[in-house]
Amino acid sequence: MISRLADEIEAAQTSAGAEVLKDAEAVLADGKAGARKLRQALTRTTEALGVVLRVAECRGARLSARDHDGGEGGDGGEGAEPSSDAVG
């Protein structure tokens, strides 16, 4: 159950990152965008990249732990120990 919740949070964070990327691309494509808009786009993009990297790191740690435990599903089903994984 916790794994499923983490997956949902990761999906939302990744989706938000994709939206930030789309906005940043629009700012970069706008030849008239000033320094303020560029700074805002870079700030949001940097924040989103940080979140996505944390998602990837947490996902990698969960996958690594699952591999070491011999688990396959990672869904917190019967026989699985409770997990304290938190995204980020």
PDB file of N, CA and C in Angstrom:
ATOM      1  N   MET A   1       0.823  -1.190   0.000  1.00  0.00           N
ATOM      2  CA  MET A   1       0.000   0.000   0.000  1.00  0.00           C
ATOM      3  C   MET A   1       0.870   1.258   0.000  1.00  0.00           C
ATOM      4  N   ILE A   2       1.918   1.273   0.821  1.00  0.00           N
ATOM      5  CA  ILE A   2       2.808   2.433   0.848  1.00  0.00           C
ATOM      6  C   ILE A   2       3.510   2.575  -0.493  1.00  0.00           C
ATOM      7  N   SER A   3       3.886   1.449  -1.079  1.00  0.00           N
ATOM      8  CA  SER A   3       4.547   1.479  -2.383  1.00  0.00           C
ATOM      9  C   SER A   3       3.626   2.091  -3.433  1.00  0.00           C
ATOM     10  N   ARG A   4       2.351   1.745  -3.372  1.00  0.00           N
ATOM     11  CA  ARG A   4       1.383   2.283  -4.320  1.00  0.00           C
ATOM     12  C   ARG A   4       1.232   3.787  -4.131  1.00  0.00           C
ATOM     13  N   LEU A   5       1.194   4.232  -2.875  1.00  0.00           N
ATOM     14  CA  LEU A   5       1.100   5.663  -2.587  1.00  0.00           C
ATOM     15  C   LEU A   5       2.345   6.382  -3.095  1.00  0.00           C
ATOM     16  N   ALA A   6       3.511   5.791  -2.866  1.00  0.00           N
ATOM     17  CA  ALA A   6       4.753   6.393  -3.364  1.00  0.00           C
ATOM     18  C   ALA A   6       4.722   6.496  -4.879  1.00  0.00           C
ATOM     19  N   ASP A   7       4.203   5.465  -5.557  1.00  0.00           N
ATOM     20  CA  ASP A   7       4.096   5.507  -7.018  1.00  0.00           C
ATOM     21  C   ASP A   7       3.208   6.653  -7.473  1.00  0.00           C
ATOM     22  N   GLU A   8       2.098   6.867  -6.767  1.00  0.00           N
ATOM     23  CA  GLU A   8       1.186   7.959  -7.128  1.00  0.00           C
ATOM     24  C   GLU A   8       1.840   9.321  -6.916  1.00  0.00           C
ATOM     25  N   ILE A   9       2.562   9.461  -5.819  1.00  0.00           N
ATOM     26  CA  ILE A   9       3.259  10.723  -5.540  1.00  0.00           C
ATOM     27  C   ILE A   9       4.330  10.962  -6.598  1.00  0.00           C
ATOM     28  N   GLU A  10       5.083   9.919  -6.927  1.00  0.00           N
ATOM     29  CA  GLU A  10       6.123  10.032  -7.957  1.00  0.00           C
ATOM     30  C   GLU A  10       5.521  10.437  -9.295  1.00  0.00           C
ATOM     31  N   ALA A  11       4.393   9.850  -9.645  1.00  0.00           N
ATOM     32  CA  ALA A  11       3.740  10.189 -10.915  1.00  0.00           C
ATOM     33  C   ALA A  11       3.320  11.657 -10.927  1.00  0.00           C
ATOM     34  N   ALA A  12       2.777  12.135  -9.818  1.00  0.00           N
ATOM     35  CA  ALA A  12       2.358  13.538  -9.738  1.00  0.00           C
ATOM     36  C   ALA A  12       3.559  14.468  -9.835  1.00  0.00           C
ATOM     37  N   GLN A  13       4.646  14.121  -9.156  1.00  0.00           N
ATOM     38  CA  GLN A  13       5.844  14.957  -9.193  1.00  0.00           C
ATOM     39  C   GLN A  13       6.460  14.965 -10.587  1.00  0.00           C
ATOM     40  N   THR A  14       6.478  13.824 -11.231  1.00  0.00           N
ATOM     41  CA  THR A  14       7.029  13.739 -12.584  1.00  0.00           C
ATOM     42  C   THR A  14       6.166  14.522 -13.566  1.00  0.00           C
ATOM     43  N   SER A  15       4.857  14.436 -13.400  1.00  0.00           N
ATOM     44  CA  SER A  15       3.939  15.188 -14.258  1.00  0.00           C
ATOM     45  C   SER A  15       4.132  16.698 -14.072  1.00  0.00           C
ATOM     46  N   ALA A  16       4.297  17.120 -12.823  1.00  0.00           N
ATOM     47  CA  ALA A  16       4.539  18.537 -12.551  1.00  0.00           C
ATOM     48  C   ALA A  16       5.852  18.978 -13.192  1.00  0.00           C
ATOM     49  N   GLY A  17       6.864  18.117 -13.124  1.00  0.00           N
ATOM     50  CA  GLY A  17       8.145  18.421 -13.751  1.00  0.00           C
ATOM     51  C   GLY A  17       8.013  18.587 -15.257  1.00  0.00           C
ATOM     52  N   ALA A  18       7.198  17.742 -15.871  1.00  0.00           N
ATOM     53  CA  ALA A  18       6.978  17.842 -17.318  1.00  0.00           C
ATOM     54  C   ALA A  18       6.303  19.167 -17.673  1.00  0.00           C
ATOM     55  N   GLU A  19       5.381  19.607 -16.834  1.00  0.00           N
ATOM     56  CA  GLU A  19       4.697  20.887 -17.066  1.00  0.00           C
ATOM     57  C   GLU A  19       5.675  22.051 -16.935  1.00  0.00           C
ATOM     58  N   VAL A  20       6.550  21.980 -15.935  1.00  0.00           N
ATOM     59  CA  VAL A  20       7.569  23.027 -15.749  1.00  0.00           C
ATOM     60  C   VAL A  20       8.489  23.070 -16.962  1.00  0.00           C
ATOM     61  N   LEU A  21       8.877  21.897 -17.448  1.00  0.00           N
ATOM     62  CA  LEU A  21       9.737  21.842 -18.631  1.00  0.00           C
ATOM     63  C   LEU A  21       9.054  22.487 -19.835  1.00  0.00           C
ATOM     64  N   LYS A  22       7.783  22.192 -20.018  1.00  0.00           N
ATOM     65  CA  LYS A  22       7.030  22.782 -21.130  1.00  0.00           C
ATOM     66  C   LYS A  22       7.004  24.308 -21.016  1.00  0.00           C
ATOM     67  N   ASP A  23       6.769  24.803 -19.797  1.00  0.00           N
ATOM     68  CA  ASP A  23       6.756  26.256 -19.584  1.00  0.00           C
ATOM     69  C   ASP A  23       8.129  26.872 -19.853  1.00  0.00           C
ATOM     70  N   ALA A  24       9.196  26.195 -19.390  1.00  0.00           N
ATOM     71  CA  ALA A  24      10.557  26.701 -19.601  1.00  0.00           C
ATOM     72  C   ALA A  24      10.891  26.742 -21.091  1.00  0.00           C
ATOM     73  N   GLU A  25      10.463  25.722 -21.820  1.00  0.00           N
ATOM     74  CA  GLU A  25      10.707  25.709 -23.270  1.00  0.00           C
ATOM     75  C   GLU A  25      10.007  26.875 -23.951  1.00  0.00           C
ATOM     76  N   ALA A  26       8.816  27.203 -23.481  1.00  0.00           N
ATOM     77  CA  ALA A  26       8.080  28.336 -24.055  1.00  0.00           C
ATOM     78  C   ALA A  26       8.807  29.652 -23.774  1.00  0.00           C
ATOM     79  N   VAL A  27       9.330  29.794 -22.564  1.00  0.00           N
ATOM     80  CA  VAL A  27      10.073  31.016 -22.222  1.00  0.00           C
ATOM     81  C   VAL A  27      11.329  31.113 -23.084  1.00  0.00           C
ATOM     82  N   LEU A  28      12.036  30.008 -23.235  1.00  0.00           N
ATOM     83  CA  LEU A  28      13.262  30.022 -24.046  1.00  0.00           C
ATOM     84  C   LEU A  28      12.969  30.315 -25.518  1.00  0.00           C
ATOM     85  N   ALA A  29      11.818  29.878 -25.991  1.00  0.00           N
ATOM     86  CA  ALA A  29      11.444  30.110 -27.389  1.00  0.00           C
ATOM     87  C   ALA A  29      11.011  31.556 -27.634  1.00  0.00           C
ATOM     88  N   ASP A  30      10.663  32.253 -26.561  1.00  0.00           N
ATOM     89  CA  ASP A  30      10.230  33.641 -26.663  1.00  0.00           C
ATOM     90  C   ASP A  30      11.451  34.550 -26.689  1.00  0.00           C
ATOM     91  N   GLY A  31      11.803  35.016 -27.861  1.00  0.00           N
ATOM     92  CA  GLY A  31      12.968  35.881 -28.016  1.00  0.00           C
ATOM     93  C   GLY A  31      12.870  37.195 -27.256  1.00  0.00           C
ATOM     94  N   LYS A  32      11.667  37.546 -26.828  1.00  0.00           N
ATOM     95  CA  LYS A  32      11.470  38.796 -26.098  1.00  0.00           C
ATOM     96  C   LYS A  32      11.417  38.594 -24.585  1.00  0.00           C
ATOM     97  N   ALA A  33      11.590  37.360 -24.132  1.00  0.00           N
ATOM     98  CA  ALA A  33      11.536  37.091 -22.686  1.00  0.00           C
ATOM     99  C   ALA A  33      12.689  37.824 -22.002  1.00  0.00           C
ATOM    100  N   GLY A  34      12.348  38.532 -20.968  1.00  0.00           N
ATOM    101  CA  GLY A  34      13.368  39.290 -20.240  1.00  0.00           C
ATOM    102  C   GLY A  34      14.071  38.446 -19.185  1.00  0.00           C
ATOM    103  N   ALA A  35      15.008  39.093 -18.522  1.00  0.00           N
ATOM    104  CA  ALA A  35      15.809  38.413 -17.507  1.00  0.00           C
ATOM    105  C   ALA A  35      14.930  37.864 -16.379  1.00  0.00           C
ATOM    106  N   ARG A  36      13.901  38.605 -15.992  1.00  0.00           N
ATOM    107  CA  ARG A  36      13.026  38.148 -14.903  1.00  0.00           C
ATOM    108  C   ARG A  36      12.317  36.849 -15.276  1.00  0.00           C
ATOM    109  N   LYS A  37      11.757  36.785 -16.479  1.00  0.00           N
ATOM    110  CA  LYS A  37      11.072  35.561 -16.918  1.00  0.00           C
ATOM    111  C   LYS A  37      12.047  34.400 -17.036  1.00  0.00           C
ATOM    112  N   LEU A  38      13.222  34.671 -17.559  1.00  0.00           N
ATOM    113  CA  LEU A  38      14.223  33.612 -17.678  1.00  0.00           C
ATOM    114  C   LEU A  38      14.648  33.097 -16.305  1.00  0.00           C
ATOM    115  N   ARG A  39      14.843  34.011 -15.367  1.00  0.00           N
ATOM    116  CA  ARG A  39      15.219  33.615 -14.001  1.00  0.00           C
ATOM    117  C   ARG A  39      14.106  32.782 -13.356  1.00  0.00           C
ATOM    118  N   GLN A  40      12.862  33.197 -13.523  1.00  0.00           N
ATOM    119  CA  GLN A  40      11.740  32.441 -12.959  1.00  0.00           C
ATOM    120  C   GLN A  40      11.674  31.040 -13.571  1.00  0.00           C
ATOM    121  N   ALA A  41      11.839  30.960 -14.879  1.00  0.00           N
ATOM    122  CA  ALA A  41      11.791  29.658 -15.550  1.00  0.00           C
ATOM    123  C   ALA A  41      12.931  28.764 -15.078  1.00  0.00           C
ATOM    124  N   LEU A  42      14.113  29.342 -14.939  1.00  0.00           N
ATOM    125  CA  LEU A  42      15.260  28.564 -14.483  1.00  0.00           C
ATOM    126  C   LEU A  42      15.076  28.114 -13.031  1.00  0.00           C
ATOM    127  N   THR A  43      14.529  28.980 -12.207  1.00  0.00           N
ATOM    128  CA  THR A  43      14.285  28.629 -10.807  1.00  0.00           C
ATOM    129  C   THR A  43      13.303  27.468 -10.707  1.00  0.00           C
ATOM    130  N   ARG A  44      12.183  27.570 -11.409  1.00  0.00           N
ATOM    131  CA  ARG A  44      11.181  26.493 -11.381  1.00  0.00           C
ATOM    132  C   ARG A  44      11.742  25.196 -11.961  1.00  0.00           C
ATOM    133  N   THR A  45      12.524  25.314 -13.034  1.00  0.00           N
ATOM    134  CA  THR A  45      13.109  24.130 -13.658  1.00  0.00           C
ATOM    135  C   THR A  45      14.103  23.462 -12.721  1.00  0.00           C
ATOM    136  N   THR A  46      14.903  24.257 -12.031  1.00  0.00           N
ATOM    137  CA  THR A  46      15.869  23.725 -11.074  1.00  0.00           C
ATOM    138  C   THR A  46      15.155  23.006  -9.933  1.00  0.00           C
ATOM    139  N   GLU A  47      14.080  23.614  -9.434  1.00  0.00           N
ATOM    140  CA  GLU A  47      13.305  22.978  -8.363  1.00  0.00           C
ATOM    141  C   GLU A  47      12.708  21.655  -8.840  1.00  0.00           C
ATOM    142  N   ALA A  48      12.135  21.661 -10.041  1.00  0.00           N
ATOM    143  CA  ALA A  48      11.519  20.442 -10.577  1.00  0.00           C
ATOM    144  C   ALA A  48      12.568  19.358 -10.816  1.00  0.00           C
ATOM    145  N   LEU A  49      13.730  19.741 -11.300  1.00  0.00           N
ATOM    146  CA  LEU A  49      14.799  18.771 -11.514  1.00  0.00           C
ATOM    147  C   LEU A  49      15.224  18.145 -10.189  1.00  0.00           C
ATOM    148  N   GLY A  50      15.327  18.959  -9.157  1.00  0.00           N
ATOM    149  CA  GLY A  50      15.668  18.435  -7.836  1.00  0.00           C
ATOM    150  C   GLY A  50      14.656  17.408  -7.356  1.00  0.00           C
ATOM    151  N   VAL A  51      13.378  17.691  -7.556  1.00  0.00           N
ATOM    152  CA  VAL A  51      12.324  16.755  -7.152  1.00  0.00           C
ATOM    153  C   VAL A  51      12.423  15.457  -7.951  1.00  0.00           C
ATOM    154  N   VAL A  52      12.580  15.571  -9.256  1.00  0.00           N
ATOM    155  CA  VAL A  52      12.648  14.377 -10.101  1.00  0.00           C
ATOM    156  C   VAL A  52      13.881  13.539  -9.754  1.00  0.00           C
ATOM    157  N   LEU A  53      14.994  14.186  -9.435  1.00  0.00           N
ATOM    158  CA  LEU A  53      16.188  13.435  -9.030  1.00  0.00           C
ATOM    159  C   LEU A  53      15.958  12.708  -7.709  1.00  0.00           C
ATOM    160  N   ARG A  54      15.248  13.347  -6.770  1.00  0.00           N
ATOM    161  CA  ARG A  54      14.922  12.671  -5.508  1.00  0.00           C
ATOM    162  C   ARG A  54      13.998  11.487  -5.758  1.00  0.00           C
ATOM    163  N   VAL A  55      13.041  11.650  -6.668  1.00  0.00           N
ATOM    164  CA  VAL A  55      12.153  10.545  -7.034  1.00  0.00           C
ATOM    165  C   VAL A  55      12.974   9.379  -7.569  1.00  0.00           C
ATOM    166  N   ALA A  56      13.891   9.681  -8.479  1.00  0.00           N
ATOM    167  CA  ALA A  56      14.725   8.633  -9.065  1.00  0.00           C
ATOM    168  C   ALA A  56      15.588   7.962  -8.003  1.00  0.00           C
ATOM    169  N   GLU A  57      16.130   8.746  -7.093  1.00  0.00           N
ATOM    170  CA  GLU A  57      16.968   8.195  -6.030  1.00  0.00           C
ATOM    171  C   GLU A  57      16.155   7.285  -5.109  1.00  0.00           C
ATOM    172  N   CYS A  58      14.969   7.754  -4.715  1.00  0.00           N
ATOM    173  CA  CYS A  58      14.102   6.939  -3.849  1.00  0.00           C
ATOM    174  C   CYS A  58      13.655   5.674  -4.566  1.00  0.00           C
ATOM    175  N   ARG A  59      13.298   5.809  -5.824  1.00  0.00           N
ATOM    176  CA  ARG A  59      12.876   4.646  -6.614  1.00  0.00           C
ATOM    177  C   ARG A  59      14.019   3.641  -6.706  1.00  0.00           C
ATOM    178  N   GLY A  60      15.209   4.121  -6.960  1.00  0.00           N
ATOM    179  CA  GLY A  60      16.369   3.235  -7.045  1.00  0.00           C
ATOM    180  C   GLY A  60      16.639   2.533  -5.731  1.00  0.00           C
ATOM    181  N   ALA A  61      16.499   3.257  -4.620  1.00  0.00           N
ATOM    182  CA  ALA A  61      16.713   2.654  -3.307  1.00  0.00           C
ATOM    183  C   ALA A  61      15.661   1.596  -3.025  1.00  0.00           C
ATOM    184  N   ARG A  62      14.407   1.886  -3.396  1.00  0.00           N
ATOM    185  CA  ARG A  62      13.338   0.902  -3.169  1.00  0.00           C
ATOM    186  C   ARG A  62      13.561  -0.327  -4.026  1.00  0.00           C
ATOM    187  N   LEU A  63      13.954  -0.125  -5.279  1.00  0.00           N
ATOM    188  CA  LEU A  63      14.198  -1.263  -6.162  1.00  0.00           C
ATOM    189  C   LEU A  63      15.379  -2.081  -5.665  1.00  0.00           C
ATOM    190  N   SER A  64      16.420  -1.406  -5.207  1.00  0.00           N
ATOM    191  CA  SER A  64      17.593  -2.094  -4.699  1.00  0.00           C
ATOM    192  C   SER A  64      17.247  -2.909  -3.454  1.00  0.00           C
ATOM    193  N   ALA A  65      16.485  -2.313  -2.550  1.00  0.00           N
ATOM    194  CA  ALA A  65      16.078  -3.019  -1.333  1.00  0.00           C
ATOM    195  C   ALA A  65      15.208  -4.213  -1.676  1.00  0.00           C
ATOM    196  N   ARG A  66      14.319  -4.060  -2.630  1.00  0.00           N
ATOM    197  CA  ARG A  66      13.452  -5.159  -3.050  1.00  0.00           C
ATOM    198  C   ARG A  66      14.275  -6.279  -3.654  1.00  0.00           C
ATOM    199  N   ASP A  67      15.267  -5.933  -4.460  1.00  0.00           N
ATOM    200  CA  ASP A  67      16.131  -6.949  -5.067  1.00  0.00           C
ATOM    201  C   ASP A  67      16.894  -7.717  -4.006  1.00  0.00           C
ATOM    202  N   HIS A  68      17.384  -7.015  -2.988  1.00  0.00           N
ATOM    203  CA  HIS A  68      18.136  -7.663  -1.917  1.00  0.00           C
ATOM    204  C   HIS A  68      17.244  -8.562  -1.073  1.00  0.00           C
ATOM    205  N   ASP A  69      15.972  -8.178  -0.932  1.00  0.00           N
ATOM    206  CA  ASP A  69      15.037  -8.974  -0.140  1.00  0.00           C
ATOM    207  C   ASP A  69      14.441 -10.118  -0.943  1.00  0.00           C
ATOM    208  N   GLY A  70      14.674 -10.120  -2.240  1.00  0.00           N
ATOM    209  CA  GLY A  70      14.129 -11.168  -3.100  1.00  0.00           C
ATOM    210  C   GLY A  70      12.684 -10.941  -3.487  1.00  0.00           C
ATOM    211  N   GLY A  71      12.152  -9.757  -3.163  1.00  0.00           N
ATOM    212  CA  GLY A  71      10.759  -9.466  -3.501  1.00  0.00           C
ATOM    213  C   GLY A  71      10.615  -9.138  -4.966  1.00  0.00           C
ATOM    214  N   GLU A  72       9.407  -9.352  -5.466  1.00  0.00           N
ATOM    215  CA  GLU A  72       9.162  -9.046  -6.878  1.00  0.00           C
ATOM    216  C   GLU A  72       8.083  -8.002  -7.054  1.00  0.00           C
ATOM    217  N   GLY A  73       7.018  -8.083  -6.244  1.00  0.00           N
ATOM    218  CA  GLY A  73       5.881  -7.209  -6.472  1.00  0.00           C
ATOM    219  C   GLY A  73       6.066  -5.820  -5.922  1.00  0.00           C
ATOM    220  N   GLY A  74       6.635  -5.700  -4.723  1.00  0.00           N
ATOM    221  CA  GLY A  74       6.812  -4.391  -4.130  1.00  0.00           C
ATOM    222  C   GLY A  74       5.523  -3.673  -3.828  1.00  0.00           C
ATOM    223  N   ASP A  75       4.397  -4.443  -3.728  1.00  0.00           N
ATOM    224  CA  ASP A  75       3.117  -3.795  -3.521  1.00  0.00           C
ATOM    225  C   ASP A  75       2.681  -3.813  -2.068  1.00  0.00           C
ATOM    226  N   GLY A  76       3.562  -4.303  -1.166  1.00  0.00           N
ATOM    227  CA  GLY A  76       3.202  -4.330   0.237  1.00  0.00           C
ATOM    228  C   GLY A  76       2.180  -5.406   0.544  1.00  0.00           C
ATOM    229  N   GLY A  77       2.063  -6.384  -0.319  1.00  0.00           N
ATOM    230  CA  GLY A  77       1.084  -7.454  -0.156  1.00  0.00           C
ATOM    231  C   GLY A  77       1.452  -8.373   0.971  1.00  0.00           C
ATOM    232  N   GLU A  78       0.735  -9.492   1.035  1.00  0.00           N
ATOM    233  CA  GLU A  78       0.905 -10.450   2.108  1.00  0.00           C
ATOM    234  C   GLU A  78       2.358 -10.895   2.225  1.00  0.00           C
ATOM    235  N   GLY A  79       2.827 -10.917   3.460  1.00  0.00           N
ATOM    236  CA  GLY A  79       4.186 -11.356   3.714  1.00  0.00           C
ATOM    237  C   GLY A  79       5.214 -10.254   3.608  1.00  0.00           C
ATOM    238  N   ALA A  80       4.810  -9.106   3.131  1.00  0.00           N
ATOM    239  CA  ALA A  80       5.767  -8.005   3.005  1.00  0.00           C
ATOM    240  C   ALA A  80       5.824  -7.253   4.311  1.00  0.00           C
ATOM    241  N   GLU A  81       7.028  -6.825   4.667  1.00  0.00           N
ATOM    242  CA  GLU A  81       7.174  -6.026   5.867  1.00  0.00           C
ATOM    243  C   GLU A  81       6.721  -4.613   5.583  1.00  0.00           C
ATOM    244  N   PRO A  82       6.174  -3.940   6.597  1.00  0.00           N
ATOM    245  CA  PRO A  82       5.785  -2.542   6.393  1.00  0.00           C
ATOM    246  C   PRO A  82       7.005  -1.727   5.984  1.00  0.00           C
ATOM    247  N   SER A  83       6.786  -0.803   5.106  1.00  0.00           N
ATOM    248  CA  SER A  83       7.870   0.028   4.609  1.00  0.00           C
ATOM    249  C   SER A  83       7.702   1.442   5.123  1.00  0.00           C
ATOM    250  N   SER A  84       8.810   2.094   5.421  1.00  0.00           N
ATOM    251  CA  SER A  84       8.753   3.479   5.828  1.00  0.00           C
ATOM    252  C   SER A  84       9.261   4.380   4.713  1.00  0.00           C
ATOM    253  N   ASP A  85       9.263   3.841   3.480  1.00  0.00           N
ATOM    254  CA  ASP A  85       9.702   4.645   2.344  1.00  0.00           C
ATOM    255  C   ASP A  85       8.880   5.901   2.252  1.00  0.00           C
ATOM    256  N   ALA A  86       9.552   6.976   2.031  1.00  0.00           N
ATOM    257  CA  ALA A  86       8.888   8.231   1.729  1.00  0.00           C
ATOM    258  C   ALA A  86       9.604   8.819   0.554  1.00  0.00           C
ATOM    259  N   VAL A  87       8.827   9.364  -0.350  1.00  0.00           N
ATOM    260  CA  VAL A  87       9.436   9.973  -1.510  1.00  0.00           C
ATOM    261  C   VAL A  87      10.129  11.230  -1.050  1.00  0.00           C
ATOM    262  N   GLY A  88      11.412  11.338  -1.383  1.00  0.00           N
ATOM    263  CA  GLY A  88      12.176  12.541  -1.064  1.00  0.00           C
ATOM    264  C   GLY A  88      12.836  12.468   0.186  1.00  0.00           C
TER     265      GLY A  88
END
